[in-house]
């Protein structure tokens, strides 16, 4: 038994609420995948002493959310970081992605990650010097390249899915 695969490609559905919600869900999935990959690289940096996970507690303090879990503000800050990676940055990416260099969203995600890195590298800097500073710069840059690539890869994959799986 042979199954035919059509050439139908899913198109964004801006005319219905369900289409908008579906597109938002796709963005959140891409952001979750990208943030997971980025977190893995940052954990390598933590192991090497070039990144401190307690840096996330700054996000909790800035928003006042550290009162939710005073014993571990870094965890609260990471949840805020995850929210930004799943909602804010994917929305911006899908808005400007077609203007970025590259043939696919995956390759467009790399310069997008670089742009995000310029803010991250300053906001999460914790006084590193010497080799640790070089490792901090390198690993956070790689983490942001990985975030952008993974985010774009999910967009590419889900945009090429058939409109129906049945």
C-alpha atoms as a PDB file:
ATOM      1  CA  UNK A   1       0.000   0.000   0.000  1.00  0.00           C
ATOM      2  CA  UNK A   2       1.509   3.272  -1.121  1.00  0.00           C
ATOM      3  CA  UNK A   3       0.626   6.595   0.479  1.00  0.00           C
ATOM      4  CA  UNK A   4       0.655   9.757  -1.585  1.00  0.00           C
ATOM      5  CA  UNK A   5       2.116  12.837  -0.036  1.00  0.00           C
ATOM      6  CA  UNK A   6       0.676  16.099  -1.294  1.00  0.00           C
ATOM      7  CA  UNK A   7       2.493  19.320  -1.899  1.00  0.00           C
ATOM      8  CA  UNK A   8       0.067  21.343   0.210  1.00  0.00           C
ATOM      9  CA  UNK A   9       1.762  23.744   2.553  1.00  0.00           C
ATOM     10  CA  UNK A  10       0.119  25.257   5.588  1.00  0.00           C
ATOM     11  CA  UNK A  11      -0.603  28.944   5.114  1.00  0.00           C
ATOM     12  CA  UNK A  12      -1.103  31.405   7.971  1.00  0.00           C
ATOM     13  CA  UNK A  13      -4.778  31.887   8.751  1.00  0.00           C
ATOM     14  CA  UNK A  14      -5.206  35.512   9.818  1.00  0.00           C
ATOM     15  CA  UNK A  15      -8.958  35.595   9.213  1.00  0.00           C
ATOM     16  CA  UNK A  16     -10.014  33.429  12.137  1.00  0.00           C
ATOM     17  CA  UNK A  17      -9.325  33.350  15.817  1.00  0.00           C
ATOM     18  CA  UNK A  18      -8.361  29.685  15.651  1.00  0.00           C
ATOM     19  CA  UNK A  19      -5.737  30.457  12.977  1.00  0.00           C
ATOM     20  CA  UNK A  20      -4.228  33.224  15.080  1.00  0.00           C
ATOM     21  CA  UNK A  21      -4.146  30.976  18.142  1.00  0.00           C
ATOM     22  CA  UNK A  22      -2.547  28.169  16.114  1.00  0.00           C
ATOM     23  CA  UNK A  23       0.157  30.513  14.794  1.00  0.00           C
ATOM     24  CA  UNK A  24       0.787  31.766  18.332  1.00  0.00           C
ATOM     25  CA  UNK A  25       1.059  28.203  19.565  1.00  0.00           C
ATOM     26  CA  UNK A  26       3.610  27.431  16.841  1.00  0.00           C
ATOM     27  CA  UNK A  27       5.638  30.446  17.958  1.00  0.00           C
ATOM     28  CA  UNK A  28       5.507  29.284  21.576  1.00  0.00           C
ATOM     29  CA  UNK A  29       6.676  25.794  20.589  1.00  0.00           C
ATOM     30  CA  UNK A  30       9.562  27.304  18.628  1.00  0.00           C
ATOM     31  CA  UNK A  31      10.457  29.519  21.572  1.00  0.00           C
ATOM     32  CA  UNK A  32      10.356  26.580  23.968  1.00  0.00           C
ATOM     33  CA  UNK A  33      12.661  24.517  21.743  1.00  0.00           C
ATOM     34  CA  UNK A  34      15.013  27.474  21.260  1.00  0.00           C
ATOM     35  CA  UNK A  35      15.116  28.271  24.973  1.00  0.00           C
ATOM     36  CA  UNK A  36      15.764  24.613  25.816  1.00  0.00           C
ATOM     37  CA  UNK A  37      18.739  24.519  23.445  1.00  0.00           C
ATOM     38  CA  UNK A  38      20.001  27.839  24.790  1.00  0.00           C
ATOM     39  CA  UNK A  39      19.679  26.587  28.355  1.00  0.00           C
ATOM     40  CA  UNK A  40      21.777  23.528  27.536  1.00  0.00           C
ATOM     41  CA  UNK A  41      24.600  25.747  26.264  1.00  0.00           C
ATOM     42  CA  UNK A  42      24.292  28.023  29.305  1.00  0.00           C
ATOM     43  CA  UNK A  43      24.534  24.975  31.568  1.00  0.00           C
ATOM     44  CA  UNK A  44      27.831  24.127  29.882  1.00  0.00           C
ATOM     45  CA  UNK A  45      28.912  27.674  30.684  1.00  0.00           C
ATOM     46  CA  UNK A  46      27.855  27.175  34.290  1.00  0.00           C
ATOM     47  CA  UNK A  47      29.907  23.986  34.491  1.00  0.00           C
ATOM     48  CA  UNK A  48      32.958  25.846  33.183  1.00  0.00           C
ATOM     49  CA  UNK A  49      32.378  28.766  35.576  1.00  0.00           C
ATOM     50  CA  UNK A  50      31.608  31.200  32.758  1.00  0.00           C
ATOM     51  CA  UNK A  51      27.922  31.725  33.584  1.00  0.00           C
ATOM     52  CA  UNK A  52      26.082  32.008  36.876  1.00  0.00           C
ATOM     53  CA  UNK A  53      22.502  30.743  36.963  1.00  0.00           C
ATOM     54  CA  UNK A  54      21.829  33.142  39.832  1.00  0.00           C
ATOM     55  CA  UNK A  55      21.950  35.881  37.200  1.00  0.00           C
ATOM     56  CA  UNK A  56      18.315  35.009  36.476  1.00  0.00           C
ATOM     57  CA  UNK A  57      17.370  36.316  39.920  1.00  0.00           C
ATOM     58  CA  UNK A  58      17.892  39.841  38.550  1.00  0.00           C
ATOM     59  CA  UNK A  59      14.810  39.335  36.348  1.00  0.00           C
ATOM     60  CA  UNK A  60      12.790  38.301  39.388  1.00  0.00           C
ATOM     61  CA  UNK A  61      13.931  41.337  41.365  1.00  0.00           C
ATOM     62  CA  UNK A  62      13.287  43.756  38.485  1.00  0.00           C
ATOM     63  CA  UNK A  63       9.688  42.585  38.159  1.00  0.00           C
ATOM     64  CA  UNK A  64       9.054  42.160  41.873  1.00  0.00           C
ATOM     65  CA  UNK A  65       8.277  38.489  41.275  1.00  0.00           C
ATOM     66  CA  UNK A  66      10.975  37.371  43.706  1.00  0.00           C
ATOM     67  CA  UNK A  67       8.349  37.569  46.485  1.00  0.00           C
ATOM     68  CA  UNK A  68       6.622  34.533  44.935  1.00  0.00           C
ATOM     69  CA  UNK A  69       9.455  32.221  45.885  1.00  0.00           C
ATOM     70  CA  UNK A  70      11.874  34.132  48.111  1.00  0.00           C
ATOM     71  CA  UNK A  71      13.990  31.046  48.746  1.00  0.00           C
ATOM     72  CA  UNK A  72      14.880  30.672  45.036  1.00  0.00           C
ATOM     73  CA  UNK A  73      14.567  33.908  43.048  1.00  0.00           C
ATOM     74  CA  UNK A  74      16.752  32.439  40.271  1.00  0.00           C
ATOM     75  CA  UNK A  75      14.016  29.887  39.504  1.00  0.00           C
ATOM     76  CA  UNK A  76      11.405  32.655  39.311  1.00  0.00           C
ATOM     77  CA  UNK A  77      13.741  34.654  37.073  1.00  0.00           C
ATOM     78  CA  UNK A  78      14.239  31.652  34.827  1.00  0.00           C
ATOM     79  CA  UNK A  79      10.470  31.248  34.425  1.00  0.00           C
ATOM     80  CA  UNK A  80      10.306  34.906  33.352  1.00  0.00           C
ATOM     81  CA  UNK A  81      13.223  34.271  30.973  1.00  0.00           C
ATOM     82  CA  UNK A  82      11.399  31.229  29.576  1.00  0.00           C
ATOM     83  CA  UNK A  83       8.264  33.319  29.069  1.00  0.00           C
ATOM     84  CA  UNK A  84      10.216  35.883  27.088  1.00  0.00           C
ATOM     85  CA  UNK A  85      11.830  33.142  25.040  1.00  0.00           C
ATOM     86  CA  UNK A  86       8.444  31.567  24.292  1.00  0.00           C
ATOM     87  CA  UNK A  87       6.294  34.663  23.731  1.00  0.00           C
ATOM     88  CA  UNK A  88       8.114  37.953  23.246  1.00  0.00           C
ATOM     89  CA  UNK A  89      11.071  36.956  21.080  1.00  0.00           C
ATOM     90  CA  UNK A  90       9.169  34.552  18.778  1.00  0.00           C
ATOM     91  CA  UNK A  91       6.558  37.261  18.122  1.00  0.00           C
ATOM     92  CA  UNK A  92       9.284  39.723  17.206  1.00  0.00           C
ATOM     93  CA  UNK A  93      11.030  37.098  15.070  1.00  0.00           C
ATOM     94  CA  UNK A  94       7.939  36.251  13.062  1.00  0.00           C
ATOM     95  CA  UNK A  95       7.315  39.991  12.568  1.00  0.00           C
ATOM     96  CA  UNK A  96      10.758  40.832  11.202  1.00  0.00           C
ATOM     97  CA  UNK A  97      12.000  37.405  10.069  1.00  0.00           C
ATOM     98  CA  UNK A  98      11.345  37.966   6.376  1.00  0.00           C
ATOM     99  CA  UNK A  99      13.651  41.018   6.457  1.00  0.00           C
ATOM    100  CA  UNK A 100      16.615  39.152   7.939  1.00  0.00           C
ATOM    101  CA  UNK A 101      19.336  37.656   5.727  1.00  0.00           C
ATOM    102  CA  UNK A 102      19.000  33.976   4.896  1.00  0.00           C
ATOM    103  CA  UNK A 103      16.982  31.601   2.757  1.00  0.00           C
ATOM    104  CA  UNK A 104      15.084  29.842   5.554  1.00  0.00           C
ATOM    105  CA  UNK A 105      13.843  30.865   8.970  1.00  0.00           C
ATOM    106  CA  UNK A 106      16.521  28.642  10.496  1.00  0.00           C
ATOM    107  CA  UNK A 107      19.320  30.615   8.844  1.00  0.00           C
ATOM    108  CA  UNK A 108      17.518  33.910   9.543  1.00  0.00           C
ATOM    109  CA  UNK A 109      17.424  32.945  13.190  1.00  0.00           C
ATOM    110  CA  UNK A 110      21.200  33.132  13.514  1.00  0.00           C
ATOM    111  CA  UNK A 111      21.484  36.911  12.956  1.00  0.00           C
ATOM    112  CA  UNK A 112      18.350  37.312  15.070  1.00  0.00           C
ATOM    113  CA  UNK A 113      20.094  35.447  17.879  1.00  0.00           C
ATOM    114  CA  UNK A 114      23.065  37.774  17.510  1.00  0.00           C
ATOM    115  CA  UNK A 115      20.833  40.812  17.978  1.00  0.00           C
ATOM    116  CA  UNK A 116      19.311  39.288  21.116  1.00  0.00           C
ATOM    117  CA  UNK A 117      22.787  38.418  22.390  1.00  0.00           C
ATOM    118  CA  UNK A 118      23.859  42.080  22.421  1.00  0.00           C
ATOM    119  CA  UNK A 119      21.337  42.790  25.170  1.00  0.00           C
ATOM    120  CA  UNK A 120      21.805  39.527  27.031  1.00  0.00           C
ATOM    121  CA  UNK A 121      25.583  39.774  27.211  1.00  0.00           C
ATOM    122  CA  UNK A 122      25.329  43.146  28.962  1.00  0.00           C
ATOM    123  CA  UNK A 123      22.362  42.350  31.202  1.00  0.00           C
ATOM    124  CA  UNK A 124      23.728  39.065  32.547  1.00  0.00           C
ATOM    125  CA  UNK A 125      27.402  40.063  32.824  1.00  0.00           C
ATOM    126  CA  UNK A 126      28.667  39.209  36.300  1.00  0.00           C
ATOM    127  CA  UNK A 127      32.172  40.668  36.424  1.00  0.00           C
ATOM    128  CA  UNK A 128      33.973  37.930  34.504  1.00  0.00           C
ATOM    129  CA  UNK A 129      37.585  38.608  33.536  1.00  0.00           C
ATOM    130  CA  UNK A 130      40.309  36.872  31.571  1.00  0.00           C
ATOM    131  CA  UNK A 131      39.542  33.410  30.244  1.00  0.00           C
ATOM    132  CA  UNK A 132      36.140  33.344  31.962  1.00  0.00           C
ATOM    133  CA  UNK A 133      35.164  36.543  30.149  1.00  0.00           C
ATOM    134  CA  UNK A 134      36.169  35.018  26.814  1.00  0.00           C
ATOM    135  CA  UNK A 135      34.224  31.837  27.643  1.00  0.00           C
ATOM    136  CA  UNK A 136      31.217  33.901  28.774  1.00  0.00           C
ATOM    137  CA  UNK A 137      31.197  35.865  25.522  1.00  0.00           C
ATOM    138  CA  UNK A 138      31.704  32.775  23.360  1.00  0.00           C
ATOM    139  CA  UNK A 139      29.201  30.490  25.098  1.00  0.00           C
ATOM    140  CA  UNK A 140      26.449  33.095  25.379  1.00  0.00           C
ATOM    141  CA  UNK A 141      26.928  33.948  21.694  1.00  0.00           C
ATOM    142  CA  UNK A 142      26.733  30.257  20.757  1.00  0.00           C
ATOM    143  CA  UNK A 143      23.651  29.895  22.971  1.00  0.00           C
ATOM    144  CA  UNK A 144      21.925  32.744  21.137  1.00  0.00           C
ATOM    145  CA  UNK A 145      22.909  31.401  17.724  1.00  0.00           C
ATOM    146  CA  UNK A 146      21.454  28.054  18.815  1.00  0.00           C
ATOM    147  CA  UNK A 147      18.263  29.758  20.072  1.00  0.00           C
ATOM    148  CA  UNK A 148      17.715  31.578  16.797  1.00  0.00           C
ATOM    149  CA  UNK A 149      18.502  28.522  14.692  1.00  0.00           C
ATOM    150  CA  UNK A 150      16.214  26.245  16.721  1.00  0.00           C
ATOM    151  CA  UNK A 151      13.400  28.824  16.733  1.00  0.00           C
ATOM    152  CA  UNK A 152      13.668  29.230  12.968  1.00  0.00           C
ATOM    153  CA  UNK A 153      13.936  25.475  12.411  1.00  0.00           C
ATOM    154  CA  UNK A 154      10.642  24.904  14.196  1.00  0.00           C
ATOM    155  CA  UNK A 155       9.034  27.654  12.099  1.00  0.00           C
ATOM    156  CA  UNK A 156      10.411  26.062   8.922  1.00  0.00           C
ATOM    157  CA  UNK A 157       9.279  22.576   9.919  1.00  0.00           C
ATOM    158  CA  UNK A 158       5.761  23.550  10.966  1.00  0.00           C
ATOM    159  CA  UNK A 159       5.197  25.844   7.997  1.00  0.00           C
ATOM    160  CA  UNK A 160       5.900  22.974   5.594  1.00  0.00           C
ATOM    161  CA  UNK A 161       3.500  20.568   7.274  1.00  0.00           C
ATOM    162  CA  UNK A 162       0.509  19.446   5.225  1.00  0.00           C
ATOM    163  CA  UNK A 163      -2.664  21.335   6.032  1.00  0.00           C
ATOM    164  CA  UNK A 164      -4.184  18.086   7.223  1.00  0.00           C
ATOM    165  CA  UNK A 165      -2.669  14.886   8.492  1.00  0.00           C
ATOM    166  CA  UNK A 166      -5.738  12.798   7.690  1.00  0.00           C
END
